[in-house]
Amino acid sequence: MSSKSERIKNIASKVGNLPILPTVVAKMIDLADDPETQTETLARLISNDQSLTARILKAANSAYYGLSREISTVDTAIVVMGYKAVKEIGLSLSVVDSLKNMGSINRFDIQKYWEHCLGVGTAAKEIAKKYLSTDAGELYVAGLLHDIGKTILIQYAQQDFYSVLDYMEQENISCFEAEEQILGITHGEIGYIIADRWNLPVKIGMIIRHHHYPQNAPKNFTAEAAIIDTADTLCHNLNIGNANHRVNKNINPQIIQIFDKTNSFDASEITLIGKTLKTEIEQNELLHFTN
């Protein structure tokens, strides 16, 4: 059996096999983040990609926005949805495309994995709206991508991944803990490498890296990482895409300490968010990506 250091080197090298973000999506993210960008400029770029155009129009016309008239142009869709929502859809589609290419994986339900990612992203956005002044859209993206490192293990290091699953079952521990013991590298650390390859903001990469141990994140990213950990816990406990997970758990007490500088954190309010979470996810047209 190879040593942990050899496994780490081998797994990390596989990240290079992950496709970079499509040019249109990468440029769209840059434009959406630029406050100087005009709607017409962003719409012109999106219109160059038929698939992206169709999905954005479909999202704009979905029940989620509850509009009484049909949205037929990208310009109008951007105005209705906002730059950040359009960016989120573009990035979501890139992740979906990468998952479509994975095919059927033994002992891993891709659909449940994606449902969980959507759930964490959606929950993180709602929690961020309440507890942080930061951009809630960034927390959606971080939640969406928090487990992206698992796709590298599943696609390029399956035997190592199966060893992790076996160890989880034997010791009744989390996937993250089993990865540390068996591989010496976690899906959070792998996800951080992927975020860097995709040229995503440093904040998103750091949140992904520390989403299971937010107290270890740099201080300026601790609260954001704590939100992802809380959203992750909430989705697991609600059985939202609960693939390859052991047991329910309580919100990390250290999370409460991170939030509670103003005595504003209320775990019961997090539960209330969960009550509407499943409905919102079911309305998301990105959920059934295999159809």
C-alpha atoms as a PDB file:
ATOM      1  CA  MET A   1       0.000   0.000   0.000  1.00  0.00           C
ATOM      2  CA  SER A   2       1.290   3.448  -0.877  1.00  0.00           C
ATOM      3  CA  SER A   3       2.228   5.879   1.873  1.00  0.00           C
ATOM      4  CA  LYS A   4       0.037   8.834   2.764  1.00  0.00           C
ATOM      5  CA  SER A   5       2.520  11.249   1.225  1.00  0.00           C
ATOM      6  CA  GLU A   6       2.414   9.320  -2.060  1.00  0.00           C
ATOM      7  CA  ARG A   7      -1.382   9.284  -1.972  1.00  0.00           C
ATOM      8  CA  ILE A   8      -1.515  13.032  -1.369  1.00  0.00           C
ATOM      9  CA  LYS A   9       0.860  13.695  -4.246  1.00  0.00           C
ATOM     10  CA  ASN A  10      -1.115  11.399  -6.555  1.00  0.00           C
ATOM     11  CA  ILE A  11      -4.534  12.813  -5.649  1.00  0.00           C
ATOM     12  CA  ALA A  12      -3.377  16.428  -5.878  1.00  0.00           C
ATOM     13  CA  SER A  13      -1.930  15.779  -9.335  1.00  0.00           C
ATOM     14  CA  LYS A  14      -5.352  14.595 -10.536  1.00  0.00           C
ATOM     15  CA  VAL A  15      -6.808  18.051 -10.009  1.00  0.00           C
ATOM     16  CA  GLY A  16      -5.043  19.044 -13.197  1.00  0.00           C
ATOM     17  CA  ASN A  17      -7.402  16.724 -15.061  1.00  0.00           C
ATOM     18  CA  LEU A  18     -10.424  18.781 -14.015  1.00  0.00           C
ATOM     19  CA  PRO A  19     -11.569  21.046 -16.851  1.00  0.00           C
ATOM     20  CA  ILE A  20     -11.112  24.772 -16.402  1.00  0.00           C
ATOM     21  CA  LEU A  21     -14.270  26.859 -16.370  1.00  0.00           C
ATOM     22  CA  PRO A  22     -15.693  27.452 -19.861  1.00  0.00           C
ATOM     23  CA  THR A  23     -14.433  30.745 -21.274  1.00  0.00           C
ATOM     24  CA  VAL A  24     -17.900  32.317 -21.416  1.00  0.00           C
ATOM     25  CA  VAL A  25     -18.660  31.378 -17.806  1.00  0.00           C
ATOM     26  CA  ALA A  26     -15.288  32.599 -16.524  1.00  0.00           C
ATOM     27  CA  LYS A  27     -15.715  35.915 -18.325  1.00  0.00           C
ATOM     28  CA  MET A  28     -19.322  36.171 -17.129  1.00  0.00           C
ATOM     29  CA  ILE A  29     -18.202  35.793 -13.498  1.00  0.00           C
ATOM     30  CA  ASP A  30     -15.638  38.570 -13.974  1.00  0.00           C
ATOM     31  CA  LEU A  31     -18.232  40.885 -15.515  1.00  0.00           C
ATOM     32  CA  ALA A  32     -20.879  40.114 -12.889  1.00  0.00           C
ATOM     33  CA  ASP A  33     -18.412  40.977 -10.120  1.00  0.00           C
ATOM     34  CA  ASP A  34     -17.467  44.295 -11.739  1.00  0.00           C
ATOM     35  CA  PRO A  35     -19.737  47.147 -10.548  1.00  0.00           C
ATOM     36  CA  GLU A  36     -18.918  49.041 -13.749  1.00  0.00           C
ATOM     37  CA  THR A  37     -20.406  46.361 -16.009  1.00  0.00           C
ATOM     38  CA  GLN A  38     -23.435  47.414 -18.046  1.00  0.00           C
ATOM     39  CA  THR A  39     -26.389  45.042 -18.438  1.00  0.00           C
ATOM     40  CA  GLU A  40     -26.016  45.155 -22.212  1.00  0.00           C
ATOM     41  CA  THR A  41     -22.385  44.017 -21.990  1.00  0.00           C
ATOM     42  CA  LEU A  42     -23.204  41.032 -19.795  1.00  0.00           C
ATOM     43  CA  ALA A  43     -26.222  40.106 -21.930  1.00  0.00           C
ATOM     44  CA  ARG A  44     -24.144  40.236 -25.117  1.00  0.00           C
ATOM     45  CA  LEU A  45     -21.608  37.822 -23.646  1.00  0.00           C
ATOM     46  CA  ILE A  46     -24.245  35.364 -22.397  1.00  0.00           C
ATOM     47  CA  SER A  47     -26.062  35.429 -25.728  1.00  0.00           C
ATOM     48  CA  ASN A  48     -22.962  33.929 -27.355  1.00  0.00           C
ATOM     49  CA  ASP A  49     -23.686  30.661 -25.523  1.00  0.00           C
ATOM     50  CA  GLN A  50     -26.993  29.063 -26.535  1.00  0.00           C
ATOM     51  CA  SER A  51     -27.119  26.618 -23.637  1.00  0.00           C
ATOM     52  CA  LEU A  52     -26.375  29.286 -21.049  1.00  0.00           C
ATOM     53  CA  THR A  53     -28.923  31.645 -22.613  1.00  0.00           C
ATOM     54  CA  ALA A  54     -31.649  28.978 -22.561  1.00  0.00           C
ATOM     55  CA  ARG A  55     -31.042  28.039 -18.920  1.00  0.00           C
ATOM     56  CA  ILE A  56     -30.969  31.651 -17.716  1.00  0.00           C
ATOM     57  CA  LEU A  57     -34.232  32.400 -19.515  1.00  0.00           C
ATOM     58  CA  LYS A  58     -35.756  29.228 -18.071  1.00  0.00           C
ATOM     59  CA  ALA A  59     -34.685  30.230 -14.568  1.00  0.00           C
ATOM     60  CA  ALA A  60     -36.033  33.758 -15.014  1.00  0.00           C
ATOM     61  CA  ASN A  61     -39.395  32.328 -16.053  1.00  0.00           C
ATOM     62  CA  SER A  62     -39.542  29.767 -13.251  1.00  0.00           C
ATOM     63  CA  ALA A  63     -42.048  29.804 -10.415  1.00  0.00           C
ATOM     64  CA  TYR A  64     -39.274  30.999  -8.109  1.00  0.00           C
ATOM     65  CA  TYR A  65     -39.526  34.558  -9.448  1.00  0.00           C
ATOM     66  CA  GLY A  66     -43.326  34.474  -9.700  1.00  0.00           C
ATOM     67  CA  LEU A  67     -43.609  36.870 -12.628  1.00  0.00           C
ATOM     68  CA  SER A  68     -46.876  37.358 -14.489  1.00  0.00           C
ATOM     69  CA  ARG A  69     -45.245  37.975 -17.876  1.00  0.00           C
ATOM     70  CA  GLU A  70     -42.812  35.891 -19.886  1.00  0.00           C
ATOM     71  CA  ILE A  71     -39.161  36.910 -19.953  1.00  0.00           C
ATOM     72  CA  SER A  72     -37.896  36.524 -23.515  1.00  0.00           C
ATOM     73  CA  THR A  73     -34.574  38.408 -23.581  1.00  0.00           C
ATOM     74  CA  VAL A  74     -31.332  37.980 -21.649  1.00  0.00           C
ATOM     75  CA  ASP A  75     -31.262  41.708 -20.866  1.00  0.00           C
ATOM     76  CA  THR A  76     -34.611  41.498 -19.090  1.00  0.00           C
ATOM     77  CA  ALA A  77     -33.614  38.283 -17.309  1.00  0.00           C
ATOM     78  CA  ILE A  78     -30.512  39.985 -15.889  1.00  0.00           C
ATOM     79  CA  VAL A  79     -32.590  42.935 -14.666  1.00  0.00           C
ATOM     80  CA  VAL A  80     -35.138  40.605 -13.030  1.00  0.00           C
ATOM     81  CA  MET A  81     -32.649  38.192 -11.475  1.00  0.00           C
ATOM     82  CA  GLY A  82     -29.677  40.428 -10.805  1.00  0.00           C
ATOM     83  CA  TYR A  83     -26.003  40.001 -11.689  1.00  0.00           C
ATOM     84  CA  LYS A  84     -25.239  37.728  -8.758  1.00  0.00           C
ATOM     85  CA  ALA A  85     -28.033  35.252  -9.512  1.00  0.00           C
ATOM     86  CA  VAL A  86     -26.951  35.070 -13.148  1.00  0.00           C
ATOM     87  CA  LYS A  87     -23.382  34.383 -12.040  1.00  0.00           C
ATOM     88  CA  GLU A  88     -24.571  31.642  -9.694  1.00  0.00           C
ATOM     89  CA  ILE A  89     -26.481  29.931 -12.519  1.00  0.00           C
ATOM     90  CA  GLY A  90     -23.474  30.042 -14.839  1.00  0.00           C
ATOM     91  CA  LEU A  91     -21.196  28.494 -12.236  1.00  0.00           C
ATOM     92  CA  SER A  92     -23.845  25.930 -11.309  1.00  0.00           C
ATOM     93  CA  LEU A  93     -24.111  24.819 -14.925  1.00  0.00           C
ATOM     94  CA  SER A  94     -20.348  24.340 -15.115  1.00  0.00           C
ATOM     95  CA  VAL A  95     -20.460  22.067 -12.078  1.00  0.00           C
ATOM     96  CA  VAL A  96     -23.448  20.211 -13.520  1.00  0.00           C
ATOM     97  CA  ASP A  97     -21.601  19.611 -16.780  1.00  0.00           C
ATOM     98  CA  SER A  98     -18.622  18.157 -14.929  1.00  0.00           C
ATOM     99  CA  LEU A  99     -20.923  15.819 -12.984  1.00  0.00           C
ATOM    100  CA  LYS A 100     -22.741  14.662 -16.112  1.00  0.00           C
ATOM    101  CA  ASN A 101     -19.465  13.305 -17.422  1.00  0.00           C
ATOM    102  CA  MET A 102     -18.946  11.157 -14.345  1.00  0.00           C
ATOM    103  CA  GLY A 103     -21.515   8.525 -15.274  1.00  0.00           C
ATOM    104  CA  SER A 104     -22.619   5.907 -12.766  1.00  0.00           C
ATOM    105  CA  ILE A 105     -20.288   5.488  -9.780  1.00  0.00           C
ATOM    106  CA  ASN A 106     -20.455   2.469  -7.513  1.00  0.00           C
ATOM    107  CA  ARG A 107     -21.372   3.373  -3.916  1.00  0.00           C
ATOM    108  CA  PHE A 108     -21.906   7.032  -4.778  1.00  0.00           C
ATOM    109  CA  ASP A 109     -25.239   8.600  -5.757  1.00  0.00           C
ATOM    110  CA  ILE A 110     -24.425  11.586  -7.983  1.00  0.00           C
ATOM    111  CA  GLN A 111     -27.992  12.892  -7.881  1.00  0.00           C
ATOM    112  CA  LYS A 112     -28.031  12.914  -4.074  1.00  0.00           C
ATOM    113  CA  TYR A 113     -24.608  14.539  -4.023  1.00  0.00           C
ATOM    114  CA  TRP A 114     -25.864  17.350  -6.251  1.00  0.00           C
ATOM    115  CA  GLU A 115     -29.064  17.730  -4.224  1.00  0.00           C
ATOM    116  CA  HIS A 116     -26.945  18.153  -1.103  1.00  0.00           C
ATOM    117  CA  CYS A 117     -24.724  20.757  -2.789  1.00  0.00           C
ATOM    118  CA  LEU A 118     -27.764  22.754  -3.885  1.00  0.00           C
ATOM    119  CA  GLY A 119     -29.216  22.461  -0.407  1.00  0.00           C
ATOM    120  CA  VAL A 120     -26.085  23.724   1.322  1.00  0.00           C
ATOM    121  CA  GLY A 121     -25.766  26.598  -1.135  1.00  0.00           C
ATOM    122  CA  THR A 122     -29.392  27.608  -0.669  1.00  0.00           C
ATOM    123  CA  ALA A 123     -29.273  27.314   3.136  1.00  0.00           C
ATOM    124  CA  ALA A 124     -25.982  29.212   3.316  1.00  0.00           C
ATOM    125  CA  LYS A 125     -27.447  32.081   1.316  1.00  0.00           C
ATOM    126  CA  GLU A 126     -30.429  32.369   3.670  1.00  0.00           C
ATOM    127  CA  ILE A 127     -28.292  32.171   6.814  1.00  0.00           C
ATOM    128  CA  ALA A 128     -25.878  34.774   5.414  1.00  0.00           C
ATOM    129  CA  LYS A 129     -28.738  37.176   4.743  1.00  0.00           C
ATOM    130  CA  LYS A 130     -29.564  37.108   8.442  1.00  0.00           C
ATOM    131  CA  TYR A 131     -26.163  37.021  10.120  1.00  0.00           C
ATOM    132  CA  LEU A 132     -23.665  38.646   7.773  1.00  0.00           C
ATOM    133  CA  SER A 133     -23.413  41.849   5.801  1.00  0.00           C
ATOM    134  CA  THR A 134     -21.298  39.999   3.244  1.00  0.00           C
ATOM    135  CA  ASP A 135     -22.545  39.035  -0.206  1.00  0.00           C
ATOM    136  CA  ALA A 136     -24.974  36.154   0.307  1.00  0.00           C
ATOM    137  CA  GLY A 137     -24.430  35.128  -3.320  1.00  0.00           C
ATOM    138  CA  GLU A 138     -20.828  34.244  -2.560  1.00  0.00           C
ATOM    139  CA  LEU A 139     -22.011  31.985   0.238  1.00  0.00           C
ATOM    140  CA  TYR A 140     -24.344  30.261  -2.213  1.00  0.00           C
ATOM    141  CA  VAL A 141     -21.401  29.576  -4.526  1.00  0.00           C
ATOM    142  CA  ALA A 142     -19.230  28.356  -1.645  1.00  0.00           C
ATOM    143  CA  GLY A 143     -22.026  26.073  -0.459  1.00  0.00           C
ATOM    144  CA  LEU A 144     -22.572  24.773  -3.953  1.00  0.00           C
ATOM    145  CA  LEU A 145     -18.876  23.899  -4.233  1.00  0.00           C
ATOM    146  CA  HIS A 146     -18.101  22.885  -0.649  1.00  0.00           C
ATOM    147  CA  ASP A 147     -17.814  19.174  -1.518  1.00  0.00           C
ATOM    148  CA  ILE A 148     -16.361  19.575  -5.017  1.00  0.00           C
ATOM    149  CA  GLY A 149     -13.149  17.890  -3.830  1.00  0.00           C
ATOM    150  CA  LYS A 150     -15.054  14.615  -3.577  1.00  0.00           C
ATOM    151  CA  THR A 151     -15.465  14.564  -7.365  1.00  0.00           C
ATOM    152  CA  ILE A 152     -11.692  14.274  -7.764  1.00  0.00           C
ATOM    153  CA  LEU A 153     -11.541  11.337  -5.358  1.00  0.00           C
ATOM    154  CA  ILE A 154     -14.491   9.631  -7.036  1.00  0.00           C
ATOM    155  CA  GLN A 155     -13.260  10.107 -10.596  1.00  0.00           C
ATOM    156  CA  TYR A 156      -9.526   9.648 -10.189  1.00  0.00           C
ATOM    157  CA  ALA A 157      -8.884   7.856  -6.887  1.00  0.00           C
ATOM    158  CA  GLN A 158     -11.820   5.485  -6.497  1.00  0.00           C
ATOM    159  CA  GLN A 159     -10.032   2.816  -4.519  1.00  0.00           C
ATOM    160  CA  ASP A 160      -8.847   5.413  -2.026  1.00  0.00           C
ATOM    161  CA  PHE A 161     -12.400   6.746  -1.841  1.00  0.00           C
ATOM    162  CA  TYR A 162     -13.768   3.255  -1.193  1.00  0.00           C
ATOM    163  CA  SER A 163     -11.195   2.840   1.582  1.00  0.00           C
ATOM    164  CA  VAL A 164     -12.503   6.035   3.124  1.00  0.00           C
ATOM    165  CA  LEU A 165     -16.101   4.768   2.943  1.00  0.00           C
ATOM    166  CA  ASP A 166     -15.105   1.455   4.538  1.00  0.00           C
ATOM    167  CA  TYR A 167     -13.293   3.244   7.361  1.00  0.00           C
ATOM    168  CA  MET A 168     -16.287   5.524   7.920  1.00  0.00           C
ATOM    169  CA  GLU A 169     -18.542   2.525   8.400  1.00  0.00           C
ATOM    170  CA  GLN A 170     -16.084   0.680  10.638  1.00  0.00           C
ATOM    171  CA  GLU A 171     -15.397   3.607  12.955  1.00  0.00           C
ATOM    172  CA  ASN A 172     -18.741   5.449  12.620  1.00  0.00           C
ATOM    173  CA  ILE A 173     -17.018   8.722  11.785  1.00  0.00           C
ATOM    174  CA  SER A 174     -17.532  11.402   9.162  1.00  0.00           C
ATOM    175  CA  CYS A 175     -16.136  11.314   5.644  1.00  0.00           C
ATOM    176  CA  PHE A 176     -13.891  14.247   6.500  1.00  0.00           C
ATOM    177  CA  GLU A 177     -12.425  12.469   9.534  1.00  0.00           C
ATOM    178  CA  ALA A 178     -11.920   9.250   7.566  1.00  0.00           C
ATOM    179  CA  GLU A 179     -10.106  11.129   4.793  1.00  0.00           C
ATOM    180  CA  GLU A 180      -7.716  12.613   7.332  1.00  0.00           C
ATOM    181  CA  GLN A 181      -6.948   9.178   8.756  1.00  0.00           C
ATOM    182  CA  ILE A 182      -6.759   7.196   5.502  1.00  0.00           C
ATOM    183  CA  LEU A 183      -5.557   9.698   2.908  1.00  0.00           C
ATOM    184  CA  GLY A 184      -3.893  12.483   4.826  1.00  0.00           C
ATOM    185  CA  ILE A 185      -5.756  14.990   2.654  1.00  0.00           C
ATOM    186  CA  THR A 186      -9.415  16.004   2.792  1.00  0.00           C
ATOM    187  CA  HIS A 187     -11.997  16.883   0.173  1.00  0.00           C
ATOM    188  CA  GLY A 188     -11.941  20.410   1.591  1.00  0.00           C
ATOM    189  CA  GLU A 189      -8.238  20.763   0.810  1.00  0.00           C
ATOM    190  CA  ILE A 190      -8.735  19.258  -2.645  1.00  0.00           C
ATOM    191  CA  GLY A 191     -11.628  21.643  -3.222  1.00  0.00           C
ATOM    192  CA  TYR A 192      -9.365  24.568  -2.345  1.00  0.00           C
ATOM    193  CA  ILE A 193      -6.972  23.487  -5.106  1.00  0.00           C
ATOM    194  CA  ILE A 194      -9.869  23.271  -7.564  1.00  0.00           C
ATOM    195  CA  ALA A 195     -11.105  26.756  -6.623  1.00  0.00           C
ATOM    196  CA  ASP A 196      -7.619  28.089  -7.293  1.00  0.00           C
ATOM    197  CA  ARG A 197      -7.527  26.362 -10.681  1.00  0.00           C
ATOM    198  CA  TRP A 198     -10.851  27.950 -11.555  1.00  0.00           C
ATOM    199  CA  ASN A 199      -9.534  31.376 -10.464  1.00  0.00           C
ATOM    200  CA  LEU A 200     -12.379  31.779  -7.990  1.00  0.00           C
ATOM    201  CA  PRO A 201     -12.089  34.430  -5.262  1.00  0.00           C
ATOM    202  CA  VAL A 202      -9.682  33.538  -2.455  1.00  0.00           C
ATOM    203  CA  LYS A 203     -12.567  33.818   0.016  1.00  0.00           C
ATOM    204  CA  ILE A 204     -14.495  31.009  -1.678  1.00  0.00           C
ATOM    205  CA  GLY A 205     -11.417  28.782  -1.763  1.00  0.00           C
ATOM    206  CA  MET A 206     -10.743  29.346   1.934  1.00  0.00           C
ATOM    207  CA  ILE A 207     -14.357  28.676   2.878  1.00  0.00           C
ATOM    208  CA  ILE A 208     -14.285  25.384   0.958  1.00  0.00           C
ATOM    209  CA  ARG A 209     -10.993  24.407   2.582  1.00  0.00           C
ATOM    210  CA  HIS A 210     -12.197  25.042   6.141  1.00  0.00           C
ATOM    211  CA  HIS A 211     -15.906  24.235   5.898  1.00  0.00           C
ATOM    212  CA  HIS A 212     -15.639  21.430   8.475  1.00  0.00           C
ATOM    213  CA  TYR A 213     -13.337  23.314  10.841  1.00  0.00           C
ATOM    214  CA  PRO A 214     -14.258  26.997  10.451  1.00  0.00           C
ATOM    215  CA  GLN A 215     -12.386  27.903  13.607  1.00  0.00           C
ATOM    216  CA  ASN A 216      -9.174  27.100  11.685  1.00  0.00           C
ATOM    217  CA  ALA A 217      -9.969  29.467   8.821  1.00  0.00           C
ATOM    218  CA  PRO A 218      -8.260  32.866   8.553  1.00  0.00           C
ATOM    219  CA  LYS A 219     -10.090  35.302  10.832  1.00  0.00           C
ATOM    220  CA  ASN A 220     -11.573  37.317   7.971  1.00  0.00           C
ATOM    221  CA  PHE A 221     -13.216  34.155   6.588  1.00  0.00           C
ATOM    222  CA  THR A 222     -14.201  32.404   9.841  1.00  0.00           C
ATOM    223  CA  ALA A 223     -17.841  33.496   9.916  1.00  0.00           C
ATOM    224  CA  GLU A 224     -18.388  32.550   6.264  1.00  0.00           C
ATOM    225  CA  ALA A 225     -16.866  29.092   6.798  1.00  0.00           C
ATOM    226  CA  ALA A 226     -19.052  28.720   9.896  1.00  0.00           C
ATOM    227  CA  ILE A 227     -22.156  29.426   7.825  1.00  0.00           C
ATOM    228  CA  ILE A 228     -21.245  26.666   5.358  1.00  0.00           C
ATOM    229  CA  ASP A 229     -20.643  24.232   8.228  1.00  0.00           C
ATOM    230  CA  THR A 230     -24.030  25.165   9.716  1.00  0.00           C
ATOM    231  CA  ALA A 231     -25.794  24.820   6.351  1.00  0.00           C
ATOM    232  CA  ASP A 232     -24.075  21.472   5.816  1.00  0.00           C
ATOM    233  CA  THR A 233     -25.249  20.217   9.208  1.00  0.00           C
ATOM    234  CA  LEU A 234     -28.769  21.449   8.554  1.00  0.00           C
ATOM    235  CA  CYS A 235     -28.992  19.663   5.195  1.00  0.00           C
ATOM    236  CA  HIS A 236     -27.614  16.403   6.570  1.00  0.00           C
ATOM    237  CA  ASN A 237     -30.079  16.465   9.454  1.00  0.00           C
ATOM    238  CA  LEU A 238     -32.945  17.147   7.044  1.00  0.00           C
ATOM    239  CA  ASN A 239     -31.756  14.291   4.832  1.00  0.00           C
ATOM    240  CA  ILE A 240     -31.248  16.606   1.861  1.00  0.00           C
ATOM    241  CA  GLY A 241     -29.018  14.628  -0.486  1.00  0.00           C
ATOM    242  CA  ASN A 242     -27.708  12.665   2.465  1.00  0.00           C
ATOM    243  CA  ALA A 243     -25.263  10.474   0.532  1.00  0.00           C
ATOM    244  CA  ASN A 244     -22.191   8.980   2.219  1.00  0.00           C
ATOM    245  CA  HIS A 245     -22.928  10.542   5.580  1.00  0.00           C
ATOM    246  CA  ARG A 246     -23.019   8.828   8.935  1.00  0.00           C
ATOM    247  CA  VAL A 247     -25.339  10.263  11.589  1.00  0.00           C
ATOM    248  CA  ASN A 248     -27.120  13.464  12.483  1.00  0.00           C
ATOM    249  CA  LYS A 249     -25.183  15.964  14.529  1.00  0.00           C
ATOM    250  CA  ASN A 250     -25.760  19.174  16.419  1.00  0.00           C
ATOM    251  CA  ILE A 251     -24.503  22.548  15.301  1.00  0.00           C
ATOM    252  CA  ASN A 252     -20.856  22.869  16.344  1.00  0.00           C
ATOM    253  CA  PRO A 253     -20.748  24.808  19.662  1.00  0.00           C
ATOM    254  CA  GLN A 254     -17.770  26.742  18.313  1.00  0.00           C
ATOM    255  CA  ILE A 255     -20.042  27.996  15.524  1.00  0.00           C
ATOM    256  CA  ILE A 256     -22.229  29.684  18.111  1.00  0.00           C
ATOM    257  CA  GLN A 257     -19.147  31.373  19.575  1.00  0.00           C
ATOM    258  CA  ILE A 258     -18.153  32.629  16.134  1.00  0.00           C
ATOM    259  CA  PHE A 259     -21.579  34.150  15.469  1.00  0.00           C
ATOM    260  CA  ASP A 260     -22.479  35.245  18.958  1.00  0.00           C
ATOM    261  CA  LYS A 261     -20.380  38.389  19.223  1.00  0.00           C
ATOM    262  CA  THR A 262     -23.622  40.380  19.277  1.00  0.00           C
ATOM    263  CA  ASN A 263     -25.731  37.688  20.974  1.00  0.00           C
ATOM    264  CA  SER A 264     -27.654  37.361  17.719  1.00  0.00           C
ATOM    265  CA  PHE A 265     -27.271  33.670  16.933  1.00  0.00           C
ATOM    266  CA  ASP A 266     -30.393  31.603  17.444  1.00  0.00           C
ATOM    267  CA  ALA A 267     -30.172  27.920  16.488  1.00  0.00           C
ATOM    268  CA  SER A 268     -33.973  27.676  16.433  1.00  0.00           C
ATOM    269  CA  GLU A 269     -34.067  30.250  13.633  1.00  0.00           C
ATOM    270  CA  ILE A 270     -31.688  28.058  11.624  1.00  0.00           C
ATOM    271  CA  THR A 271     -34.223  25.248  12.007  1.00  0.00           C
ATOM    272  CA  LEU A 272     -36.949  27.535  10.654  1.00  0.00           C
ATOM    273  CA  ILE A 273     -34.854  28.103   7.545  1.00  0.00           C
ATOM    274  CA  GLY A 274     -34.765  24.349   7.123  1.00  0.00           C
ATOM    275  CA  LYS A 275     -38.556  24.113   7.009  1.00  0.00           C
ATOM    276  CA  THR A 276     -38.704  26.001   3.714  1.00  0.00           C
ATOM    277  CA  LEU A 277     -35.458  24.630   2.337  1.00  0.00           C
ATOM    278  CA  LYS A 278     -36.735  21.472   0.659  1.00  0.00           C
ATOM    279  CA  THR A 279     -39.463  23.350  -1.194  1.00  0.00           C
ATOM    280  CA  GLU A 280     -37.013  25.900  -2.526  1.00  0.00           C
ATOM    281  CA  ILE A 281     -34.618  23.191  -3.693  1.00  0.00           C
ATOM    282  CA  GLU A 282     -37.401  21.269  -5.411  1.00  0.00           C
ATOM    283  CA  GLN A 283     -38.277  24.424  -7.366  1.00  0.00           C
ATOM    284  CA  ASN A 284     -34.689  24.787  -8.566  1.00  0.00           C
ATOM    285  CA  GLU A 285     -34.567  23.645 -12.180  1.00  0.00           C
ATOM    286  CA  LEU A 286     -30.896  22.714 -11.786  1.00  0.00           C
ATOM    287  CA  LEU A 287     -31.747  19.853  -9.418  1.00  0.00           C
ATOM    288  CA  HIS A 288     -32.623  17.211 -11.958  1.00  0.00           C
ATOM    289  CA  PHE A 289     -29.506  17.649 -14.074  1.00  0.00           C
ATOM    290  CA  THR A 290     -29.517  14.047 -15.286  1.00  0.00           C
ATOM    291  CA  ASN A 291     -32.845  14.426 -17.069  1.00  0.00           C
END
